[in-house]
Amino acid sequence: MTIDQLVHVAREALLLALLVAAPVLVTAWLVGVLIGVAQAATQVQEPVVGLVPRIVAVALVLLVMSPWIGAQVARFGGAVMAAIGTV
């Protein structure tokens, strides 16, 4: 395996990590912003009010997106194993 191939695999791995983490991170951010606005509007500053909806939203997104995430990781793993086989 050449250096160019290793760089390509590393680049693809980093992009895959960003791609599969994005739905969870965006969901946590959006729910956090919405809860923060609601807490500021109602002046309820209880930490649990912000934490529980975020955990529930992230769990739901993971439940819904896990087949897609698994397929992406399996596709990448298969491509890496195929590339190892050509060495």
N, C-alpha and C. Protein backbone atom coordinates (compact mmCIF):
# COMPACT_ATOMS: atom_id res chain seq x y z
N MET A 1 0.85 -1.17 0.00
CA MET A 1 0.00 0.00 0.00
C MET A 1 0.90 1.24 0.00
N THR A 2 0.60 2.15 -0.86
CA THR A 2 1.42 3.36 -0.96
C THR A 2 0.93 4.40 0.03
N ILE A 3 1.73 5.43 0.14
CA ILE A 3 1.39 6.55 1.04
C ILE A 3 0.10 7.22 0.56
N ASP A 4 -0.06 7.36 -0.73
CA ASP A 4 -1.28 7.99 -1.26
C ASP A 4 -2.53 7.19 -0.90
N GLN A 5 -2.43 5.88 -0.95
CA GLN A 5 -3.57 5.04 -0.59
C GLN A 5 -3.88 5.15 0.91
N LEU A 6 -2.84 5.20 1.73
CA LEU A 6 -3.05 5.34 3.16
C LEU A 6 -3.68 6.69 3.50
N VAL A 7 -3.24 7.74 2.83
CA VAL A 7 -3.82 9.06 3.05
C VAL A 7 -5.28 9.07 2.62
N HIS A 8 -5.58 8.40 1.51
CA HIS A 8 -6.96 8.33 1.03
C HIS A 8 -7.85 7.59 2.05
N VAL A 9 -7.37 6.48 2.58
CA VAL A 9 -8.14 5.72 3.56
C VAL A 9 -8.34 6.54 4.84
N ALA A 10 -7.30 7.23 5.28
CA ALA A 10 -7.43 8.06 6.49
C ALA A 10 -8.41 9.20 6.26
N ARG A 11 -8.36 9.80 5.07
CA ARG A 11 -9.28 10.89 4.75
C ARG A 11 -10.72 10.39 4.73
N GLU A 12 -10.94 9.23 4.11
CA GLU A 12 -12.28 8.64 4.07
C GLU A 12 -12.78 8.29 5.47
N ALA A 13 -11.88 7.80 6.33
CA ALA A 13 -12.27 7.46 7.70
C ALA A 13 -12.69 8.70 8.47
N LEU A 14 -11.96 9.79 8.32
CA LEU A 14 -12.33 11.03 9.01
C LEU A 14 -13.66 11.59 8.48
N LEU A 15 -13.85 11.55 7.18
CA LEU A 15 -15.12 12.01 6.62
C LEU A 15 -16.28 11.16 7.07
N LEU A 16 -16.06 9.84 7.15
CA LEU A 16 -17.11 8.95 7.65
C LEU A 16 -17.45 9.24 9.10
N ALA A 17 -16.43 9.49 9.91
CA ALA A 17 -16.67 9.82 11.32
C ALA A 17 -17.49 11.10 11.45
N LEU A 18 -17.18 12.09 10.64
CA LEU A 18 -17.96 13.33 10.66
C LEU A 18 -19.39 13.09 10.17
N LEU A 19 -19.52 12.28 9.14
CA LEU A 19 -20.83 12.02 8.55
C LEU A 19 -21.75 11.27 9.52
N VAL A 20 -21.24 10.26 10.21
CA VAL A 20 -22.11 9.49 11.10
C VAL A 20 -22.35 10.21 12.43
N ALA A 21 -21.47 11.13 12.81
CA ALA A 21 -21.66 11.87 14.06
C ALA A 21 -22.56 13.09 13.86
N ALA A 22 -22.68 13.56 12.64
CA ALA A 22 -23.42 14.79 12.37
C ALA A 22 -24.88 14.75 12.82
N PRO A 23 -25.66 13.71 12.52
CA PRO A 23 -27.07 13.74 12.95
C PRO A 23 -27.23 13.86 14.47
N VAL A 24 -26.40 13.16 15.21
CA VAL A 24 -26.49 13.20 16.67
C VAL A 24 -26.08 14.58 17.19
N LEU A 25 -24.99 15.10 16.67
CA LEU A 25 -24.51 16.40 17.14
C LEU A 25 -25.46 17.53 16.78
N VAL A 26 -25.99 17.49 15.57
CA VAL A 26 -26.94 18.54 15.16
C VAL A 26 -28.21 18.47 15.99
N THR A 27 -28.68 17.26 16.26
CA THR A 27 -29.88 17.11 17.09
C THR A 27 -29.65 17.65 18.50
N ALA A 28 -28.53 17.29 19.10
CA ALA A 28 -28.23 17.77 20.45
C ALA A 28 -28.11 19.29 20.46
N TRP A 29 -27.51 19.84 19.43
CA TRP A 29 -27.36 21.30 19.35
C TRP A 29 -28.72 21.98 19.20
N LEU A 30 -29.55 21.49 18.27
CA LEU A 30 -30.85 22.11 18.06
C LEU A 30 -31.74 22.03 19.30
N VAL A 31 -31.78 20.88 19.92
CA VAL A 31 -32.60 20.73 21.13
C VAL A 31 -32.04 21.62 22.24
N GLY A 32 -30.73 21.69 22.35
CA GLY A 32 -30.12 22.56 23.36
C GLY A 32 -30.47 24.03 23.15
N VAL A 33 -30.44 24.46 21.90
CA VAL A 33 -30.79 25.86 21.61
C VAL A 33 -32.26 26.12 21.91
N LEU A 34 -33.13 25.20 21.49
CA LEU A 34 -34.57 25.39 21.75
C LEU A 34 -34.88 25.40 23.24
N ILE A 35 -34.25 24.50 23.98
CA ILE A 35 -34.48 24.46 25.43
C ILE A 35 -33.90 25.70 26.08
N GLY A 36 -32.75 26.16 25.60
CA GLY A 36 -32.14 27.37 26.14
C GLY A 36 -33.03 28.59 25.94
N VAL A 37 -33.62 28.69 24.77
CA VAL A 37 -34.55 29.80 24.49
C VAL A 37 -35.78 29.70 25.38
N ALA A 38 -36.30 28.48 25.53
CA ALA A 38 -37.48 28.30 26.39
C ALA A 38 -37.14 28.61 27.84
N GLN A 39 -35.95 28.21 28.30
CA GLN A 39 -35.56 28.52 29.68
C GLN A 39 -35.37 30.01 29.88
N ALA A 40 -34.82 30.68 28.88
CA ALA A 40 -34.64 32.13 29.01
C ALA A 40 -35.99 32.85 29.02
N ALA A 41 -36.92 32.35 28.21
CA ALA A 41 -38.23 32.98 28.14
C ALA A 41 -39.04 32.76 29.41
N THR A 42 -38.91 31.58 30.00
CA THR A 42 -39.71 31.27 31.19
C THR A 42 -38.93 31.51 32.49
N GLN A 43 -37.66 31.78 32.39
CA GLN A 43 -36.77 31.99 33.53
C GLN A 43 -36.70 30.78 34.45
N VAL A 44 -36.88 29.59 33.88
CA VAL A 44 -36.69 28.34 34.61
C VAL A 44 -35.27 27.89 34.33
N GLN A 45 -34.41 27.90 35.33
CA GLN A 45 -33.00 27.59 35.12
C GLN A 45 -32.61 26.24 35.73
N GLU A 46 -33.50 25.30 35.69
CA GLU A 46 -33.23 23.96 36.22
C GLU A 46 -32.40 23.17 35.21
N PRO A 47 -31.25 22.62 35.60
CA PRO A 47 -30.40 21.88 34.65
C PRO A 47 -31.06 20.63 34.05
N VAL A 48 -31.91 19.98 34.83
CA VAL A 48 -32.55 18.76 34.34
C VAL A 48 -33.50 19.07 33.19
N VAL A 49 -34.09 20.24 33.19
CA VAL A 49 -35.01 20.63 32.13
C VAL A 49 -34.27 20.67 30.79
N GLY A 50 -33.01 21.02 30.79
CA GLY A 50 -32.24 21.04 29.55
C GLY A 50 -31.62 19.72 29.20
N LEU A 51 -31.35 18.90 30.19
CA LEU A 51 -30.63 17.65 29.96
C LEU A 51 -31.53 16.53 29.46
N VAL A 52 -32.67 16.35 30.07
CA VAL A 52 -33.53 15.21 29.74
C VAL A 52 -34.04 15.27 28.29
N PRO A 53 -34.54 16.41 27.80
CA PRO A 53 -34.98 16.43 26.40
C PRO A 53 -33.84 16.17 25.42
N ARG A 54 -32.65 16.64 25.76
CA ARG A 54 -31.50 16.42 24.88
C ARG A 54 -31.15 14.93 24.82
N ILE A 55 -31.16 14.26 25.96
CA ILE A 55 -30.86 12.83 26.00
C ILE A 55 -31.91 12.04 25.23
N VAL A 56 -33.17 12.38 25.41
CA VAL A 56 -34.25 11.68 24.71
C VAL A 56 -34.14 11.90 23.21
N ALA A 57 -33.87 13.13 22.78
CA ALA A 57 -33.75 13.42 21.35
C ALA A 57 -32.57 12.68 20.73
N VAL A 58 -31.44 12.66 21.42
CA VAL A 58 -30.27 11.95 20.90
C VAL A 58 -30.53 10.45 20.83
N ALA A 59 -31.20 9.90 21.83
CA ALA A 59 -31.53 8.47 21.82
C ALA A 59 -32.46 8.14 20.65
N LEU A 60 -33.43 8.99 20.39
CA LEU A 60 -34.34 8.76 19.27
C LEU A 60 -33.61 8.84 17.93
N VAL A 61 -32.73 9.82 17.79
CA VAL A 61 -31.97 9.93 16.55
C VAL A 61 -31.07 8.72 16.36
N LEU A 62 -30.44 8.26 17.43
CA LEU A 62 -29.61 7.06 17.32
C LEU A 62 -30.44 5.84 16.95
N LEU A 63 -31.63 5.74 17.50
CA LEU A 63 -32.52 4.62 17.19
C LEU A 63 -32.93 4.64 15.72
N VAL A 64 -33.26 5.82 15.22
CA VAL A 64 -33.71 5.94 13.84
C VAL A 64 -32.54 5.81 12.86
N MET A 65 -31.40 6.40 13.18
CA MET A 65 -30.28 6.46 12.25
C MET A 65 -29.31 5.28 12.35
N SER A 66 -29.48 4.41 13.33
CA SER A 66 -28.50 3.33 13.52
C SER A 66 -28.40 2.38 12.32
N PRO A 67 -29.48 2.04 11.61
CA PRO A 67 -29.27 1.19 10.42
C PRO A 67 -28.41 1.88 9.35
N TRP A 68 -28.64 3.16 9.15
CA TRP A 68 -27.86 3.89 8.16
C TRP A 68 -26.41 4.02 8.60
N ILE A 69 -26.19 4.32 9.88
CA ILE A 69 -24.82 4.43 10.40
C ILE A 69 -24.10 3.09 10.28
N GLY A 70 -24.78 2.02 10.64
CA GLY A 70 -24.19 0.69 10.52
C GLY A 70 -23.85 0.34 9.08
N ALA A 71 -24.73 0.70 8.15
CA ALA A 71 -24.48 0.42 6.73
C ALA A 71 -23.27 1.20 6.23
N GLN A 72 -23.14 2.44 6.66
CA GLN A 72 -22.00 3.25 6.22
C GLN A 72 -20.68 2.70 6.76
N VAL A 73 -20.69 2.32 8.02
CA VAL A 73 -19.47 1.78 8.63
C VAL A 73 -19.13 0.42 8.01
N ALA A 74 -20.13 -0.40 7.74
CA ALA A 74 -19.89 -1.70 7.11
C ALA A 74 -19.36 -1.52 5.69
N ARG A 75 -19.90 -0.55 4.96
CA ARG A 75 -19.42 -0.27 3.61
C ARG A 75 -17.95 0.14 3.64
N PHE A 76 -17.61 1.01 4.58
CA PHE A 76 -16.22 1.46 4.70
C PHE A 76 -15.32 0.29 5.10
N GLY A 77 -15.77 -0.51 6.04
CA GLY A 77 -14.98 -1.67 6.47
C GLY A 77 -14.76 -2.65 5.33
N GLY A 78 -15.78 -2.88 4.53
CA GLY A 78 -15.65 -3.75 3.37
C GLY A 78 -14.66 -3.20 2.36
N ALA A 79 -14.71 -1.89 2.14
CA ALA A 79 -13.78 -1.27 1.20
C ALA A 79 -12.34 -1.37 1.70
N VAL A 80 -12.15 -1.18 3.00
CA VAL A 80 -10.80 -1.29 3.57
C VAL A 80 -10.31 -2.73 3.48
N MET A 81 -11.17 -3.69 3.78
CA MET A 81 -10.76 -5.10 3.68
C MET A 81 -10.44 -5.48 2.24
N ALA A 82 -11.19 -4.95 1.30
CA ALA A 82 -10.90 -5.23 -0.11
C ALA A 82 -9.57 -4.61 -0.51
N ALA A 83 -9.29 -3.42 0.01
CA ALA A 83 -8.00 -2.78 -0.31
C ALA A 83 -6.86 -3.53 0.32
N ILE A 84 -7.06 -4.08 1.52
CA ILE A 84 -6.00 -4.89 2.16
C ILE A 84 -5.75 -6.14 1.35
N GLY A 85 -6.81 -6.70 0.76
CA GLY A 85 -6.67 -7.91 -0.03
C GLY A 85 -5.85 -7.72 -1.30
N THR A 86 -5.76 -6.49 -1.78
CA THR A 86 -4.99 -6.21 -2.99
C THR A 86 -3.52 -5.97 -2.72
N VAL A 87 -3.15 -5.90 -1.46
CA VAL A 87 -1.74 -5.63 -1.11
C VAL A 87 -0.91 -6.86 -1.31
